[in-house]
Amino acid sequence: MKKIVKIYLLLAASLLTTSCSDSFLELAPISNATADNFKSTDDFELAINSAYASLYTVYHPEGPVSYCNEQMSDNAIMYNISGIQADKWQFKDYSLMTTNTMVYQFWQDYYRAVFSTNIVLDKIETASLSETYKNDVRAQMRFLRALFYFNMVQTWGDIPLVTKPLSGDEAYAVPRSPQADVYELIKKDLGFAIENLPLASAIPSTKIGRASKGAAQTLLGKVYLTLGDKTSAANVLKDVYNSNQYALLSTYTSLWGPNVKNTKESIFEIQFLGGSASAPYSRYYQTFYPNNNFLGFYGSGMNQVTDDLYNEYEANDPRRDLSIALGYNNGTTFIAQKYPIKWTHTNAPIGSGNPLANNNFMVLRYADVLLMLSEATGDATYLNQVRTRAGLPKFGDAGYPTSFAGSLSTAIEHERRVELAIEFHRWFDLKRTNRAIAVLQPKGKAITADKLLLPIPQIVRSQNPAITQNNGYN
């Protein structure tokens, strides 16, 4: 247990050390050619922890994956009074401008994350350490780099592709690479990770939270689906399915809670440690709670649930009430405002006005694998395992709701939305299946083909004239 706490503290320290002295980080793509050399395994373990700490930013409840997948979809709105409101509402309204400060922040966040992997990959090559250890380090970093680039290419399309630390002058001159080239790197990185990462069951307790072979396979399956290669997706996802490493938990409620961590259903999970302001505590509870201070802290009102998402659930689907609260109490007055509750930590200690929550965040889980398998194979068997866990009629059986029974693809779209609600999947899902415009336009979203990508921040183009702009934002 002491070793695990030490890892959390190293992650917290990494957050502090990677958020300062960002002169090169003002560039895009960012880099830092003056990073200290690493020699010992302790040096590299600190650097690895720093790379994993990037997940706290990328998957922050107000981070880039959250904004894209929830605010730009039909799942969520916001009642959020902090920050530059106009910039935040532009995501929901599809009115993003090239000067949007959050788009620029997200660009920086991602390239900081990529740099944190590239510097380790660069330094490990000349380290006098065992080849076994070096390959494990390479695999960890290439998995994370693939994850970051996969999110980025879905967000911006063509992006500067940086695979090594660069000087400032070099960073200014890097153009955008075609999406095809970005995806080639992602596939190569994940292929290496699959060959060199351990099975989940072989990861020692002192390194819980690090990527496994199954995590790399699951991510690669999603990449193949995004590229339209269902055959390759099915093959790699079946490897996960047949690995005996993962399983659905018996009930949906078993997935959630401040002390529910790294279960058999979890494939890749971000680790948090609540109870102390100096540790990396979980912020989802506070950020997703309505914007008031009735519980001793101010909620941020982020990703408040739409009626459309709430009404997507079947009336007897237990997942609805385990995922969404109808509102909150102000004394004896009930305030109707739907919000997510998967990451609730009711009795979390309060520090400096913040609930120091303990909930982890699952980036990849086994239910996602099953639903992707149905998408890749056209076989409803996998989807029906998810529905059986929820106690609902199977697709194809009497009692299955007629509104989703028109095709298996419609059934999968529905199931992914309710099973994975507010877990940062929806917009990327709709884009992958070419359904974003058809689904979102009738619901009042001003989405067009050009708006399927975010703008390249204007400040980036001012710094680097080689970087072009996405269509519709010139």
Foldseek 3Di string as FASTA:
>chain_A
DVLQVVLLLLLLVLVVVLVPPQPQLLAVLGFDPPDDADADVVSLSSLLSSLLSLCCACVPCPHDLLLQFQLQAQWFDFDFDDDDVVLSNCNNQVNHALARPRVSVNSSSLSSSLNSLQASLVNLVPYPDDPLVSLQSLLQSLQSNLVSLVSVCQFAAFGFDDRHGDDSVVSQAGATDGNVVSLVSSLVSLVSNLVRFAQPVPDDPSPPQTAGNLSSLQVVLVSCLLVVNLVSSLVSLVCSVPVPQADDDLALLLCFDLPNPDDRFFRHKRFFAFDDPSGRFGQPQQAQACQDCQLQAGRRRGGFTDVVLLVLDDPLQPLSVLFWDQADDDDPDTDGTITGDRQDDSPADADPRGRRTRDMAGLDTNLSSLLSNCVSPVDQPSVQVVVVSRVADGQVDPRDDPVQNPGVVSVSLSSCCRSCPSSSCRLVVCVSVVNRCVPVVVVPHPDDPQSSHHWNNPVNCVSHVSYDIGPPRD
